[in-house]
Amino acid sequence: MNEELLNSGTNGMTVNESMKADLFTAARWTYFLCVLGCIGIGFMVLIAILMFALGNFAGRIFSGMETGGVFLGILYLVVAVFYIYPIIKGFQFANGTKAACLTDNEYELARGFAGLRDLLRFMGILAIVCIVIYVLIFFGMFIVGLTAL
């Protein structure tokens, strides 16, 4: 492979064959995980549809149960929608990096790393949001516990 295209940056960074092999392997595994993510999104949408249907069915048998199924269905749909963005960015990393490793195209490598940057930024923000929610739940439970005394 011609390393001059990938190594033409002004910062003097070089990408050797071993690094390309590692990047290519990482891209293949990322692609595999993204395909599994797409299957997971499909299952989430299917479960949401089932929750909507079972919620209506349960509402006919037990009064007041239809809202639980609808709520769970909406929750599954929201999670599925949030999961689409990281899957797209994962595919961007996988496809760009594989193309860069096969063709020594610097633009494709930059596109792949931009997808990885966006994926990791999204996951970091999501982790921070989850930690804040857990802390709020903890303090809420603590306050409810104190008022119960």
C-alpha atoms as a PDB file:
ATOM      1  CA  MET A   1       0.000   0.000   0.000  1.00  0.00           C
ATOM      2  CA  ASN A   2       1.126   3.503  -0.689  1.00  0.00           C
ATOM      3  CA  GLU A   3       1.588   5.171   2.715  1.00  0.00           C
ATOM      4  CA  GLU A   4       2.319   8.608   1.263  1.00  0.00           C
ATOM      5  CA  LEU A   5      -1.365   9.560   1.014  1.00  0.00           C
ATOM      6  CA  LEU A   6      -2.106   8.695   4.630  1.00  0.00           C
ATOM      7  CA  ASN A   7       1.147  10.208   5.814  1.00  0.00           C
ATOM      8  CA  SER A   8       1.005  13.496   3.917  1.00  0.00           C
ATOM      9  CA  GLY A   9      -0.227  15.496   6.925  1.00  0.00           C
ATOM     10  CA  THR A  10       1.683  18.517   8.117  1.00  0.00           C
ATOM     11  CA  ASN A  11       2.047  17.179  11.649  1.00  0.00           C
ATOM     12  CA  GLY A  12       4.469  14.424  10.657  1.00  0.00           C
ATOM     13  CA  MET A  13       2.237  11.582  11.849  1.00  0.00           C
ATOM     14  CA  THR A  14       2.756   8.310  10.022  1.00  0.00           C
ATOM     15  CA  VAL A  15       0.460   5.341   9.643  1.00  0.00           C
ATOM     16  CA  ASN A  16       2.364   2.127   9.072  1.00  0.00           C
ATOM     17  CA  GLU A  17       1.065  -1.226   7.858  1.00  0.00           C
ATOM     18  CA  SER A  18       0.588  -2.576  11.378  1.00  0.00           C
ATOM     19  CA  MET A  19      -1.543   0.435  12.311  1.00  0.00           C
ATOM     20  CA  LYS A  20      -3.588   0.042   9.135  1.00  0.00           C
ATOM     21  CA  ALA A  21      -4.200  -3.603   9.974  1.00  0.00           C
ATOM     22  CA  ASP A  22      -5.354  -2.644  13.479  1.00  0.00           C
ATOM     23  CA  LEU A  23      -7.617   0.101  12.120  1.00  0.00           C
ATOM     24  CA  PHE A  24      -9.069  -2.291   9.546  1.00  0.00           C
ATOM     25  CA  THR A  25      -9.784  -4.872  12.259  1.00  0.00           C
ATOM     26  CA  ALA A  26     -11.406  -2.227  14.465  1.00  0.00           C
ATOM     27  CA  ALA A  27     -13.528  -1.088  11.516  1.00  0.00           C
ATOM     28  CA  ARG A  28     -14.699  -4.645  10.800  1.00  0.00           C
ATOM     29  CA  TRP A  29     -15.691  -5.203  14.430  1.00  0.00           C
ATOM     30  CA  THR A  30     -17.456  -1.841  14.515  1.00  0.00           C
ATOM     31  CA  TYR A  31     -19.389  -2.779  11.383  1.00  0.00           C
ATOM     32  CA  PHE A  32     -20.409  -6.092  13.017  1.00  0.00           C
ATOM     33  CA  LEU A  33     -21.581  -4.298  16.173  1.00  0.00           C
ATOM     34  CA  CYS A  34     -23.534  -1.779  14.090  1.00  0.00           C
ATOM     35  CA  VAL A  35     -25.311  -4.579  12.236  1.00  0.00           C
ATOM     36  CA  LEU A  36     -26.233  -6.106  15.598  1.00  0.00           C
ATOM     37  CA  GLY A  37     -27.423  -2.650  16.684  1.00  0.00           C
ATOM     38  CA  CYS A  38     -29.691  -2.420  13.641  1.00  0.00           C
ATOM     39  CA  ILE A  39     -31.168  -5.804  14.529  1.00  0.00           C
ATOM     40  CA  GLY A  40     -31.647  -4.563  18.106  1.00  0.00           C
ATOM     41  CA  ILE A  41     -33.450  -1.453  16.853  1.00  0.00           C
ATOM     42  CA  GLY A  42     -35.733  -3.693  14.813  1.00  0.00           C
ATOM     43  CA  PHE A  43     -36.542  -5.759  17.905  1.00  0.00           C
ATOM     44  CA  MET A  44     -37.196  -2.605  19.935  1.00  0.00           C
ATOM     45  CA  VAL A  45     -39.672  -1.343  17.347  1.00  0.00           C
ATOM     46  CA  LEU A  46     -41.332  -4.775  17.237  1.00  0.00           C
ATOM     47  CA  ILE A  47     -41.596  -4.851  21.038  1.00  0.00           C
ATOM     48  CA  ALA A  48     -43.044  -1.324  21.007  1.00  0.00           C
ATOM     49  CA  ILE A  49     -45.724  -2.419  18.547  1.00  0.00           C
ATOM     50  CA  LEU A  50     -46.470  -5.445  20.731  1.00  0.00           C
ATOM     51  CA  MET A  51     -46.703  -3.235  23.800  1.00  0.00           C
ATOM     52  CA  PHE A  52     -49.221  -0.990  22.045  1.00  0.00           C
ATOM     53  CA  ALA A  53     -51.276  -4.037  21.003  1.00  0.00           C
ATOM     54  CA  LEU A  54     -51.022  -5.823  24.356  1.00  0.00           C
ATOM     55  CA  GLY A  55     -51.824  -2.617  26.196  1.00  0.00           C
ATOM     56  CA  ASN A  56     -55.093  -2.341  24.308  1.00  0.00           C
ATOM     57  CA  PHE A  57     -55.798  -6.053  24.847  1.00  0.00           C
ATOM     58  CA  ALA A  58     -55.039  -5.811  28.576  1.00  0.00           C
ATOM     59  CA  GLY A  59     -57.284  -2.745  28.800  1.00  0.00           C
ATOM     60  CA  ARG A  60     -60.213  -4.842  27.592  1.00  0.00           C
ATOM     61  CA  ILE A  61     -59.581  -7.485  30.250  1.00  0.00           C
ATOM     62  CA  PHE A  62     -58.389  -5.331  33.166  1.00  0.00           C
ATOM     63  CA  SER A  63     -59.654  -1.797  33.463  1.00  0.00           C
ATOM     64  CA  GLY A  64     -56.890   0.823  33.427  1.00  0.00           C
ATOM     65  CA  MET A  65     -54.108  -1.413  32.043  1.00  0.00           C
ATOM     66  CA  GLU A  66     -53.985   0.049  28.536  1.00  0.00           C
ATOM     67  CA  THR A  67     -51.908   3.048  29.596  1.00  0.00           C
ATOM     68  CA  GLY A  68     -49.074   0.832  30.878  1.00  0.00           C
ATOM     69  CA  GLY A  69     -48.656  -0.861  27.516  1.00  0.00           C
ATOM     70  CA  VAL A  70     -48.810   2.429  25.661  1.00  0.00           C
ATOM     71  CA  PHE A  71     -46.251   3.973  28.033  1.00  0.00           C
ATOM     72  CA  LEU A  72     -43.858   1.029  27.567  1.00  0.00           C
ATOM     73  CA  GLY A  73     -44.386   1.132  23.812  1.00  0.00           C
ATOM     74  CA  ILE A  74     -43.510   4.826  23.687  1.00  0.00           C
ATOM     75  CA  LEU A  75     -40.484   4.186  25.918  1.00  0.00           C
ATOM     76  CA  TYR A  76     -39.200   1.473  23.563  1.00  0.00           C
ATOM     77  CA  LEU A  77     -39.705   3.744  20.551  1.00  0.00           C
ATOM     78  CA  VAL A  78     -37.803   6.599  22.226  1.00  0.00           C
ATOM     79  CA  VAL A  79     -34.887   4.299  23.059  1.00  0.00           C
ATOM     80  CA  ALA A  80     -34.879   2.977  19.479  1.00  0.00           C
ATOM     81  CA  VAL A  81     -34.788   6.522  18.081  1.00  0.00           C
ATOM     82  CA  PHE A  82     -31.892   7.494  20.371  1.00  0.00           C
ATOM     83  CA  TYR A  83     -30.021   4.357  19.305  1.00  0.00           C
ATOM     84  CA  ILE A  84     -30.136   5.245  15.599  1.00  0.00           C
ATOM     85  CA  TYR A  85     -27.592   8.111  15.797  1.00  0.00           C
ATOM     86  CA  PRO A  86     -24.715   6.098  17.316  1.00  0.00           C
ATOM     87  CA  ILE A  87     -25.366   3.303  14.823  1.00  0.00           C
ATOM     88  CA  ILE A  88     -25.090   5.753  11.915  1.00  0.00           C
ATOM     89  CA  LYS A  89     -21.861   7.208  13.317  1.00  0.00           C
ATOM     90  CA  GLY A  90     -20.491   3.710  13.905  1.00  0.00           C
ATOM     91  CA  PHE A  91     -21.165   2.825  10.272  1.00  0.00           C
ATOM     92  CA  GLN A  92     -19.462   6.085   9.236  1.00  0.00           C
ATOM     93  CA  PHE A  93     -16.357   5.104  11.213  1.00  0.00           C
ATOM     94  CA  ALA A  94     -16.367   1.537   9.909  1.00  0.00           C
ATOM     95  CA  ASN A  95     -16.911   2.391   6.256  1.00  0.00           C
ATOM     96  CA  GLY A  96     -14.553   5.369   6.198  1.00  0.00           C
ATOM     97  CA  THR A  97     -11.753   3.550   7.983  1.00  0.00           C
ATOM     98  CA  LYS A  98     -12.067   0.409   5.853  1.00  0.00           C
ATOM     99  CA  ALA A  99     -12.015   2.492   2.673  1.00  0.00           C
ATOM    100  CA  ALA A 100      -8.995   4.455   3.912  1.00  0.00           C
ATOM    101  CA  CYS A 101      -7.067   1.303   4.761  1.00  0.00           C
ATOM    102  CA  LEU A 102      -7.825  -0.312   1.415  1.00  0.00           C
ATOM    103  CA  THR A 103      -7.217   2.721  -0.818  1.00  0.00           C
ATOM    104  CA  ASP A 104      -4.834   4.884   1.268  1.00  0.00           C
ATOM    105  CA  ASN A 105      -7.338   7.734   1.053  1.00  0.00           C
ATOM    106  CA  GLU A 106      -6.712  10.405   3.683  1.00  0.00           C
ATOM    107  CA  TYR A 107     -10.171  11.943   3.215  1.00  0.00           C
ATOM    108  CA  GLU A 108     -11.848   8.604   4.029  1.00  0.00           C
ATOM    109  CA  LEU A 109      -9.720   8.189   7.140  1.00  0.00           C
ATOM    110  CA  ALA A 110     -10.692  11.691   8.298  1.00  0.00           C
ATOM    111  CA  ARG A 111     -14.370  10.884   7.624  1.00  0.00           C
ATOM    112  CA  GLY A 112     -14.046   7.668   9.616  1.00  0.00           C
ATOM    113  CA  PHE A 113     -12.436   9.383  12.568  1.00  0.00           C
ATOM    114  CA  ALA A 114     -15.066  12.133  12.471  1.00  0.00           C
ATOM    115  CA  GLY A 115     -17.709   9.420  12.847  1.00  0.00           C
ATOM    116  CA  LEU A 116     -15.796   7.908  15.770  1.00  0.00           C
ATOM    117  CA  ARG A 117     -15.471  11.349  17.402  1.00  0.00           C
ATOM    118  CA  ASP A 118     -19.223  11.957  17.094  1.00  0.00           C
ATOM    119  CA  LEU A 119     -20.027   8.460  18.377  1.00  0.00           C
ATOM    120  CA  LEU A 120     -17.822   8.853  21.440  1.00  0.00           C
ATOM    121  CA  ARG A 121     -19.133  12.370  22.119  1.00  0.00           C
ATOM    122  CA  PHE A 122     -22.725  11.079  21.999  1.00  0.00           C
ATOM    123  CA  MET A 123     -21.909   8.173  24.314  1.00  0.00           C
ATOM    124  CA  GLY A 124     -20.119  10.503  26.755  1.00  0.00           C
ATOM    125  CA  ILE A 125     -23.042  12.918  26.891  1.00  0.00           C
ATOM    126  CA  LEU A 126     -25.439   9.998  27.324  1.00  0.00           C
ATOM    127  CA  ALA A 127     -23.313   8.660  30.197  1.00  0.00           C
ATOM    128  CA  ILE A 128     -23.356  12.078  31.909  1.00  0.00           C
ATOM    129  CA  VAL A 129     -27.140  12.329  31.490  1.00  0.00           C
ATOM    130  CA  CYS A 130     -27.599   8.833  32.966  1.00  0.00           C
ATOM    131  CA  ILE A 131     -25.365   9.653  35.943  1.00  0.00           C
ATOM    132  CA  VAL A 132     -27.347  12.842  36.615  1.00  0.00           C
ATOM    133  CA  ILE A 133     -30.628  10.907  36.416  1.00  0.00           C
ATOM    134  CA  TYR A 134     -29.305   8.264  38.829  1.00  0.00           C
ATOM    135  CA  VAL A 135     -28.168  10.957  41.283  1.00  0.00           C
ATOM    136  CA  LEU A 136     -31.564  12.673  41.087  1.00  0.00           C
ATOM    137  CA  ILE A 137     -33.338   9.349  41.653  1.00  0.00           C
ATOM    138  CA  PHE A 138     -31.073   8.605  44.618  1.00  0.00           C
ATOM    139  CA  PHE A 139     -31.731  11.992  46.233  1.00  0.00           C
ATOM    140  CA  GLY A 140     -35.444  11.684  45.466  1.00  0.00           C
ATOM    141  CA  MET A 141     -35.571   8.309  47.188  1.00  0.00           C
ATOM    142  CA  PHE A 142     -33.581   9.729  50.105  1.00  0.00           C
ATOM    143  CA  ILE A 143     -36.023  12.619  50.526  1.00  0.00           C
ATOM    144  CA  VAL A 144     -39.031  10.297  50.249  1.00  0.00           C
ATOM    145  CA  GLY A 145     -37.422   8.036  52.852  1.00  0.00           C
ATOM    146  CA  LEU A 146     -36.866  10.970  55.221  1.00  0.00           C
ATOM    147  CA  THR A 147     -40.470  12.153  54.853  1.00  0.00           C
ATOM    148  CA  ALA A 148     -41.744   8.649  55.592  1.00  0.00           C
ATOM    149  CA  LEU A 149     -40.161   8.718  59.049  1.00  0.00           C
END
